[in-house]
Amino acid sequence: MPDKNLCTAGILFCMGCGSPRVDVNSWKSPGRAIVTCCNCGETGEMQGFTIGRSFAVTSGMIREAREDMAYPRRGTA
């Protein structure tokens, strides 16, 4: 059974500018999305996932998700 902390809705943030305004721009292959930040234009690939949009996300939800952001450790691959 998965950890309940991992079974929450996530908000995708741009690692370049921190904006949550990120969307699928195109598809490199059926399971590999090209995502783009609508704020700074940063792009990246995402495999095995897609994005669902909601217009009911509150600033409090974004603030809470931003405080819980996952970052890779420096010096790791």
N, C-alpha and C. Protein backbone atom coordinates (compact mmCIF):
# COMPACT_ATOMS: atom_id res chain seq x y z
N MET A 1 0.84 -1.19 0.00
CA MET A 1 0.00 0.00 0.00
C MET A 1 0.89 1.25 0.00
N PRO A 2 0.57 2.23 -0.86
CA PRO A 2 1.41 3.43 -0.92
C PRO A 2 1.28 4.28 0.34
N ASP A 3 2.33 5.05 0.61
CA ASP A 3 2.33 5.99 1.72
C ASP A 3 1.23 7.01 1.51
N LYS A 4 0.39 7.26 2.51
CA LYS A 4 -0.72 8.21 2.36
C LYS A 4 -0.23 9.61 2.06
N ASN A 5 0.99 9.96 2.46
CA ASN A 5 1.52 11.29 2.15
C ASN A 5 1.74 11.47 0.65
N LEU A 6 1.88 10.36 -0.09
CA LEU A 6 2.09 10.44 -1.52
C LEU A 6 0.77 10.44 -2.29
N CYS A 7 -0.34 10.17 -1.61
CA CYS A 7 -1.64 10.07 -2.27
C CYS A 7 -2.42 11.38 -2.16
N THR A 8 -1.80 12.45 -2.55
CA THR A 8 -2.44 13.76 -2.54
C THR A 8 -2.39 14.33 -3.94
N ALA A 9 -3.22 15.32 -4.19
CA ALA A 9 -3.16 16.01 -5.48
C ALA A 9 -1.93 16.89 -5.48
N GLY A 10 -1.21 16.91 -6.58
CA GLY A 10 0.00 17.69 -6.67
C GLY A 10 -0.19 18.92 -7.54
N ILE A 11 0.65 19.89 -7.34
CA ILE A 11 0.70 21.08 -8.19
C ILE A 11 2.10 21.12 -8.77
N LEU A 12 2.19 21.24 -10.08
CA LEU A 12 3.48 21.25 -10.77
C LEU A 12 4.02 22.68 -10.81
N PHE A 13 5.27 22.86 -10.39
CA PHE A 13 5.90 24.17 -10.38
C PHE A 13 7.09 24.19 -11.34
N CYS A 14 7.35 25.34 -11.92
CA CYS A 14 8.54 25.54 -12.75
C CYS A 14 9.74 25.65 -11.83
N MET A 15 10.80 24.90 -12.10
CA MET A 15 12.01 25.00 -11.28
C MET A 15 12.82 26.23 -11.65
N GLY A 16 12.53 26.86 -12.78
CA GLY A 16 13.24 28.06 -13.17
C GLY A 16 12.77 29.30 -12.42
N CYS A 17 11.45 29.48 -12.31
CA CYS A 17 10.92 30.70 -11.69
C CYS A 17 9.96 30.44 -10.54
N GLY A 18 9.56 29.17 -10.32
CA GLY A 18 8.66 28.85 -9.21
C GLY A 18 7.19 29.02 -9.53
N SER A 19 6.85 29.35 -10.75
CA SER A 19 5.45 29.57 -11.12
C SER A 19 4.70 28.24 -11.21
N PRO A 20 3.43 28.22 -10.78
CA PRO A 20 2.61 27.03 -10.98
C PRO A 20 1.90 27.03 -12.33
N ARG A 21 2.16 28.01 -13.16
CA ARG A 21 1.53 28.12 -14.49
C ARG A 21 2.31 27.30 -15.51
N VAL A 22 2.20 25.97 -15.39
CA VAL A 22 2.92 25.03 -16.23
C VAL A 22 1.89 24.18 -16.97
N ASP A 23 2.11 23.94 -18.25
CA ASP A 23 1.15 23.16 -19.03
C ASP A 23 1.87 22.32 -20.08
N VAL A 24 1.18 21.29 -20.57
CA VAL A 24 1.72 20.46 -21.65
C VAL A 24 1.69 21.30 -22.93
N ASN A 25 2.85 21.44 -23.54
CA ASN A 25 2.99 22.21 -24.76
C ASN A 25 2.84 21.32 -25.99
N SER A 26 3.43 20.12 -25.92
CA SER A 26 3.37 19.17 -27.03
C SER A 26 3.75 17.80 -26.51
N TRP A 27 3.75 16.82 -27.40
CA TRP A 27 4.11 15.45 -27.03
C TRP A 27 5.29 15.01 -27.87
N LYS A 28 6.33 14.53 -27.21
CA LYS A 28 7.50 13.99 -27.91
C LYS A 28 7.20 12.58 -28.41
N SER A 29 6.44 11.82 -27.61
CA SER A 29 5.96 10.50 -27.96
C SER A 29 4.68 10.28 -27.15
N PRO A 30 3.95 9.18 -27.37
CA PRO A 30 2.67 9.01 -26.67
C PRO A 30 2.76 9.11 -25.14
N GLY A 31 3.85 8.76 -24.53
CA GLY A 31 3.95 8.83 -23.08
C GLY A 31 4.90 9.89 -22.55
N ARG A 32 5.39 10.76 -23.43
CA ARG A 32 6.40 11.76 -23.02
C ARG A 32 5.91 13.15 -23.43
N ALA A 33 5.53 13.94 -22.43
CA ALA A 33 5.02 15.29 -22.66
C ALA A 33 6.14 16.31 -22.59
N ILE A 34 6.03 17.34 -23.40
CA ILE A 34 6.90 18.50 -23.30
C ILE A 34 6.10 19.55 -22.54
N VAL A 35 6.58 19.93 -21.36
CA VAL A 35 5.87 20.91 -20.54
C VAL A 35 6.59 22.25 -20.61
N THR A 36 5.81 23.32 -20.55
CA THR A 36 6.35 24.67 -20.66
C THR A 36 5.77 25.54 -19.58
N CYS A 37 6.61 26.37 -18.98
CA CYS A 37 6.16 27.36 -18.01
C CYS A 37 5.57 28.53 -18.78
N CYS A 38 4.34 28.90 -18.44
CA CYS A 38 3.68 30.02 -19.11
C CYS A 38 4.21 31.37 -18.63
N ASN A 39 5.02 31.36 -17.57
CA ASN A 39 5.57 32.59 -17.03
C ASN A 39 6.93 32.92 -17.63
N CYS A 40 7.89 31.96 -17.57
CA CYS A 40 9.25 32.26 -18.02
C CYS A 40 9.66 31.51 -19.29
N GLY A 41 8.84 30.55 -19.76
CA GLY A 41 9.14 29.83 -20.98
C GLY A 41 10.03 28.61 -20.79
N GLU A 42 10.44 28.30 -19.56
CA GLU A 42 11.25 27.10 -19.28
C GLU A 42 10.50 25.87 -19.80
N THR A 43 11.22 24.94 -20.43
CA THR A 43 10.59 23.72 -20.92
C THR A 43 11.31 22.50 -20.37
N GLY A 44 10.60 21.39 -20.34
CA GLY A 44 11.18 20.13 -19.89
C GLY A 44 10.31 18.97 -20.33
N GLU A 45 10.83 17.78 -20.18
CA GLU A 45 10.09 16.57 -20.54
C GLU A 45 9.55 15.91 -19.29
N MET A 46 8.40 15.30 -19.43
CA MET A 46 7.78 14.57 -18.33
C MET A 46 7.25 13.26 -18.90
N GLN A 47 7.71 12.15 -18.36
CA GLN A 47 7.32 10.85 -18.88
C GLN A 47 6.38 10.15 -17.91
N GLY A 48 5.31 9.57 -18.46
CA GLY A 48 4.40 8.75 -17.67
C GLY A 48 3.35 9.52 -16.89
N PHE A 49 3.29 10.83 -17.06
CA PHE A 49 2.32 11.66 -16.35
C PHE A 49 1.75 12.69 -17.31
N THR A 50 0.63 13.27 -16.96
CA THR A 50 0.07 14.39 -17.69
C THR A 50 -0.46 15.39 -16.68
N ILE A 51 -1.04 16.47 -17.13
CA ILE A 51 -1.50 17.55 -16.26
C ILE A 51 -3.00 17.74 -16.46
N GLY A 52 -3.72 17.86 -15.37
CA GLY A 52 -5.13 18.23 -15.42
C GLY A 52 -5.27 19.65 -14.89
N ARG A 53 -6.02 20.47 -15.57
CA ARG A 53 -6.17 21.87 -15.16
C ARG A 53 -7.37 22.06 -14.25
N SER A 54 -7.25 22.99 -13.34
CA SER A 54 -8.36 23.39 -12.47
C SER A 54 -8.31 24.89 -12.31
N PHE A 55 -9.47 25.51 -12.43
CA PHE A 55 -9.54 26.95 -12.26
C PHE A 55 -10.00 27.31 -10.84
N ALA A 56 -10.11 26.29 -9.97
CA ALA A 56 -10.57 26.51 -8.61
C ALA A 56 -9.45 26.39 -7.58
N VAL A 57 -8.21 26.44 -8.03
CA VAL A 57 -7.07 26.34 -7.12
C VAL A 57 -6.91 27.69 -6.42
N THR A 58 -6.87 27.67 -5.10
CA THR A 58 -6.77 28.92 -4.34
C THR A 58 -5.31 29.29 -4.10
N SER A 59 -5.09 30.54 -3.75
CA SER A 59 -3.73 30.98 -3.43
C SER A 59 -3.20 30.23 -2.22
N GLY A 60 -4.07 29.87 -1.29
CA GLY A 60 -3.66 29.09 -0.12
C GLY A 60 -3.18 27.70 -0.51
N MET A 61 -3.84 27.08 -1.47
CA MET A 61 -3.42 25.76 -1.95
C MET A 61 -2.06 25.84 -2.62
N ILE A 62 -1.85 26.89 -3.41
CA ILE A 62 -0.56 27.06 -4.08
C ILE A 62 0.53 27.33 -3.05
N ARG A 63 0.25 28.16 -2.06
CA ARG A 63 1.23 28.46 -1.01
C ARG A 63 1.61 27.18 -0.25
N GLU A 64 0.61 26.36 0.11
CA GLU A 64 0.87 25.11 0.82
C GLU A 64 1.72 24.16 -0.03
N ALA A 65 1.39 24.04 -1.32
CA ALA A 65 2.16 23.17 -2.21
C ALA A 65 3.58 23.69 -2.40
N ARG A 66 3.72 25.01 -2.51
CA ARG A 66 5.06 25.60 -2.69
C ARG A 66 5.94 25.32 -1.47
N GLU A 67 5.36 25.35 -0.28
CA GLU A 67 6.11 25.07 0.95
C GLU A 67 6.55 23.60 1.01
N ASP A 68 5.87 22.73 0.26
CA ASP A 68 6.15 21.30 0.28
C ASP A 68 6.86 20.84 -0.99
N MET A 69 7.37 21.78 -1.80
CA MET A 69 7.99 21.42 -3.08
C MET A 69 9.14 20.44 -2.90
N ALA A 70 9.23 19.51 -3.83
CA ALA A 70 10.35 18.55 -3.85
C ALA A 70 11.43 19.09 -4.76
N TYR A 71 12.65 19.12 -4.27
CA TYR A 71 13.81 19.53 -5.05
C TYR A 71 14.82 18.41 -5.03
N PRO A 72 15.52 18.18 -6.15
CA PRO A 72 16.60 17.19 -6.10
C PRO A 72 17.74 17.71 -5.22
N ARG A 73 18.41 16.80 -4.58
CA ARG A 73 19.57 17.20 -3.78
C ARG A 73 20.69 17.64 -4.68
N ARG A 74 21.42 18.63 -4.26
CA ARG A 74 22.56 19.11 -5.05
C ARG A 74 23.63 18.01 -5.09
N GLY A 75 24.24 17.83 -6.25
CA GLY A 75 25.31 16.85 -6.39
C GLY A 75 24.82 15.45 -6.70
N THR A 76 23.49 15.28 -6.91
CA THR A 76 22.98 13.95 -7.26
C THR A 76 22.53 13.96 -8.70
N ALA A 77 22.51 12.81 -9.30
CA ALA A 77 22.09 12.69 -10.71
C ALA A 77 20.60 12.69 -10.80
